[in-house]
Amino acid sequence: MKRSSSMQKLDIGCMKNVNKILVIIIVVLVLILGGIVAWQTWFAGPSYYAVYLRTGDLYFGELTRFPSFGLKHVYMLQVNAQNGQNPVSIQKFTNVFWGPEDSVKLNRDEVVWYTKLKPESQLVKLITANPDLLPAATGAPQENNAAPQEPSSSQSGAEKK
């Protein structure tokens, strides 16, 4: 069976219309995806996450998934059991003594869990108000001038009934 030339022209014309529709759909999808990425980048503001590793380390920062899994603008939880008043502190990752950059790549197999932090959480408020947290002072404990003082012997006798 031989097709007539008018049928071939109809098939070619139909294929051109389908190609145009497919191109339009692809362009629209790319524009929508670009709009979503632009919105999250420029208008939504940073979202902070907590990431807990198998090692027991807890990190905070902006989660990155592409090109590699990790955090940027990184903060870490430090435990100081000797400090009874402040046994836990948050430190900016770049402030540690070895001077790392402000990003860390994480091995997904070592991540126990991660969660998005609410913008109104105390930690996010602290980070946004003071993004360059300095490390806690090291060395000998400082004297606390506001500590309650023992009453002197003359006061203690007068106060007792």
Protein backbone atom coordinates (compact mmCIF):
# COMPACT_ATOMS: atom_id res chain seq x y z
CA MET A 1 0.00 0.00 0.00
CA LYS A 2 1.35 3.28 -1.05
CA ARG A 3 0.38 6.39 0.90
CA SER A 4 -0.81 9.37 -0.97
CA SER A 5 1.24 12.55 -0.82
CA SER A 6 -1.61 14.40 0.93
CA MET A 7 -1.56 11.83 3.78
CA GLN A 8 2.20 12.24 4.17
CA LYS A 9 1.84 16.03 4.32
CA LEU A 10 -0.89 15.63 6.95
CA ASP A 11 1.35 13.37 9.08
CA ILE A 12 4.26 15.82 8.81
CA GLY A 13 2.03 18.76 9.72
CA CYS A 14 0.60 16.85 12.71
CA MET A 15 4.11 15.99 13.94
CA LYS A 16 5.14 19.65 13.72
CA ASN A 17 2.17 20.61 15.90
CA VAL A 18 3.01 17.92 18.48
CA ASN A 19 6.64 19.09 18.58
CA LYS A 20 5.53 22.69 19.12
CA ILE A 21 3.26 21.63 21.99
CA LEU A 22 6.03 19.58 23.60
CA VAL A 23 8.48 22.48 23.34
CA ILE A 24 5.94 24.84 24.91
CA ILE A 25 5.29 22.40 27.78
CA ILE A 26 9.04 22.00 28.43
CA VAL A 27 9.60 25.77 28.40
CA VAL A 28 6.72 26.33 30.84
CA LEU A 29 8.03 23.62 33.20
CA VAL A 30 11.55 25.11 33.12
CA LEU A 31 10.15 28.57 33.89
CA ILE A 32 8.11 27.22 36.82
CA LEU A 33 11.12 25.35 38.22
CA GLY A 34 13.31 28.42 37.78
CA GLY A 35 10.72 30.55 39.58
CA ILE A 36 10.60 28.16 42.53
CA VAL A 37 14.39 28.11 42.85
CA ALA A 38 14.57 31.90 42.56
CA TRP A 39 11.88 32.35 45.21
CA GLN A 40 13.67 30.06 47.66
CA THR A 41 17.03 31.71 46.96
CA TRP A 42 16.10 35.38 47.11
CA PHE A 43 12.84 35.76 49.01
CA ALA A 44 12.25 32.84 51.38
CA GLY A 45 15.32 33.44 53.56
CA PRO A 46 17.54 30.77 55.02
CA SER A 47 16.13 27.62 56.59
CA TYR A 48 18.19 26.17 59.41
CA TYR A 49 18.45 22.47 60.15
CA ALA A 50 19.80 20.37 63.00
CA VAL A 51 21.85 17.32 61.90
CA TYR A 52 22.73 14.57 64.38
CA LEU A 53 25.57 12.19 63.45
CA ARG A 54 26.40 8.67 64.65
CA THR A 55 29.42 10.11 66.42
CA GLY A 56 27.10 12.06 68.72
CA ASP A 57 27.97 15.40 67.11
CA LEU A 58 25.14 17.84 66.55
CA TYR A 59 25.49 20.50 63.85
CA PHE A 60 23.20 23.35 62.81
CA GLY A 61 23.11 25.28 59.56
CA GLU A 62 21.56 25.67 56.14
CA LEU A 63 21.15 22.23 54.58
CA THR A 64 22.52 21.66 51.07
CA ARG A 65 21.55 18.63 49.03
CA PHE A 66 23.14 19.50 45.68
CA PRO A 67 25.87 18.99 44.51
CA SER A 68 26.64 17.21 47.80
CA PHE A 69 24.86 16.66 51.09
CA GLY A 70 26.07 19.01 53.82
CA LEU A 71 25.63 22.26 55.70
CA LYS A 72 26.66 25.85 55.08
CA HIS A 73 26.76 28.63 57.68
CA VAL A 74 27.57 25.90 60.19
CA TYR A 75 27.26 25.96 63.98
CA MET A 76 28.03 23.12 66.35
CA LEU A 77 27.00 22.04 69.80
CA GLN A 78 29.85 21.83 72.30
CA VAL A 79 29.53 20.09 75.64
CA ASN A 80 31.67 21.26 78.56
CA ALA A 81 30.83 19.08 81.55
CA GLN A 82 33.20 21.03 83.83
CA ASN A 83 31.12 24.20 83.46
CA GLY A 84 28.16 23.75 85.80
CA GLN A 85 26.45 27.00 84.76
CA ASN A 86 26.73 26.50 80.99
CA PRO A 87 27.46 22.84 80.23
CA VAL A 88 26.34 23.27 76.60
CA SER A 89 27.25 26.01 74.14
CA ILE A 90 26.75 26.77 70.46
CA GLN A 91 29.86 27.70 68.48
CA LYS A 92 30.33 28.90 64.92
CA PHE A 93 32.20 26.22 63.00
CA THR A 94 34.70 28.72 61.56
CA ASN A 95 35.74 29.79 65.07
CA VAL A 96 37.38 26.48 65.98
CA PHE A 97 41.16 26.49 66.22
CA TRP A 98 41.89 24.70 62.92
CA GLY A 99 40.06 27.41 60.91
CA PRO A 100 37.69 25.50 58.60
CA GLU A 101 35.53 27.11 55.92
CA ASP A 102 31.90 27.84 56.67
CA SER A 103 30.59 24.65 55.08
CA VAL A 104 30.84 20.96 55.81
CA LYS A 105 30.09 17.96 53.61
CA LEU A 106 28.36 15.14 55.43
CA ASN A 107 28.31 11.42 54.75
CA ARG A 108 24.62 10.51 54.52
CA ASP A 109 25.37 7.08 56.01
CA GLU A 110 26.59 8.77 59.21
CA VAL A 111 23.49 10.96 59.66
CA VAL A 112 21.13 9.54 62.28
CA TRP A 113 18.51 12.24 61.78
CA TYR A 114 18.04 15.81 60.62
CA THR A 115 15.18 18.21 61.15
CA LYS A 116 14.20 21.67 60.04
CA LEU A 117 14.25 24.26 62.81
CA LYS A 118 11.33 26.62 63.24
CA PRO A 119 12.16 30.27 62.43
CA GLU A 120 10.87 31.29 65.87
CA SER A 121 13.09 28.82 67.78
CA GLN A 122 15.55 30.28 70.28
CA LEU A 123 18.52 28.86 68.37
CA VAL A 124 17.48 30.37 65.02
CA LYS A 125 16.83 33.71 66.72
CA LEU A 126 20.32 33.56 68.29
CA ILE A 127 21.98 32.69 64.98
CA THR A 128 20.19 35.40 63.02
CA ALA A 129 20.80 38.03 65.71
CA ASN A 130 24.47 37.14 66.20
CA PRO A 131 25.76 35.18 63.18
CA ASP A 132 29.44 35.39 64.26
CA LEU A 133 29.19 33.60 67.59
CA LEU A 134 32.54 33.63 69.32
CA PRO A 135 33.91 30.60 71.15
CA ALA A 136 33.49 30.44 74.90
CA ALA A 137 36.42 31.80 76.91
CA THR A 138 38.88 29.11 77.89
CA GLY A 139 41.16 29.00 80.87
CA ALA A 140 40.56 29.49 84.56
CA PRO A 141 37.01 30.11 85.69
CA GLN A 142 36.25 33.73 86.36
CA GLU A 143 35.05 34.91 89.75
CA ASN A 144 31.39 35.67 89.93
CA ASN A 145 30.97 38.98 91.76
CA ALA A 146 27.23 38.47 92.01
CA ALA A 147 27.53 35.30 94.10
CA PRO A 148 25.63 35.32 97.39
CA GLN A 149 27.91 36.11 100.28
CA GLU A 150 27.94 34.54 103.68
CA PRO A 151 26.59 36.79 106.42
CA SER A 152 29.25 38.11 108.75
CA SER A 153 29.32 36.93 112.37
CA SER A 154 27.81 40.20 113.65
CA GLN A 155 24.90 39.95 111.17
CA SER A 156 24.23 36.27 111.80
CA GLY A 157 23.80 36.79 115.53
CA ALA A 158 21.45 39.72 115.06
CA GLU A 159 19.30 37.87 112.51
CA LYS A 160 18.79 34.78 114.65
CA LYS A 161 15.84 34.87 117.03
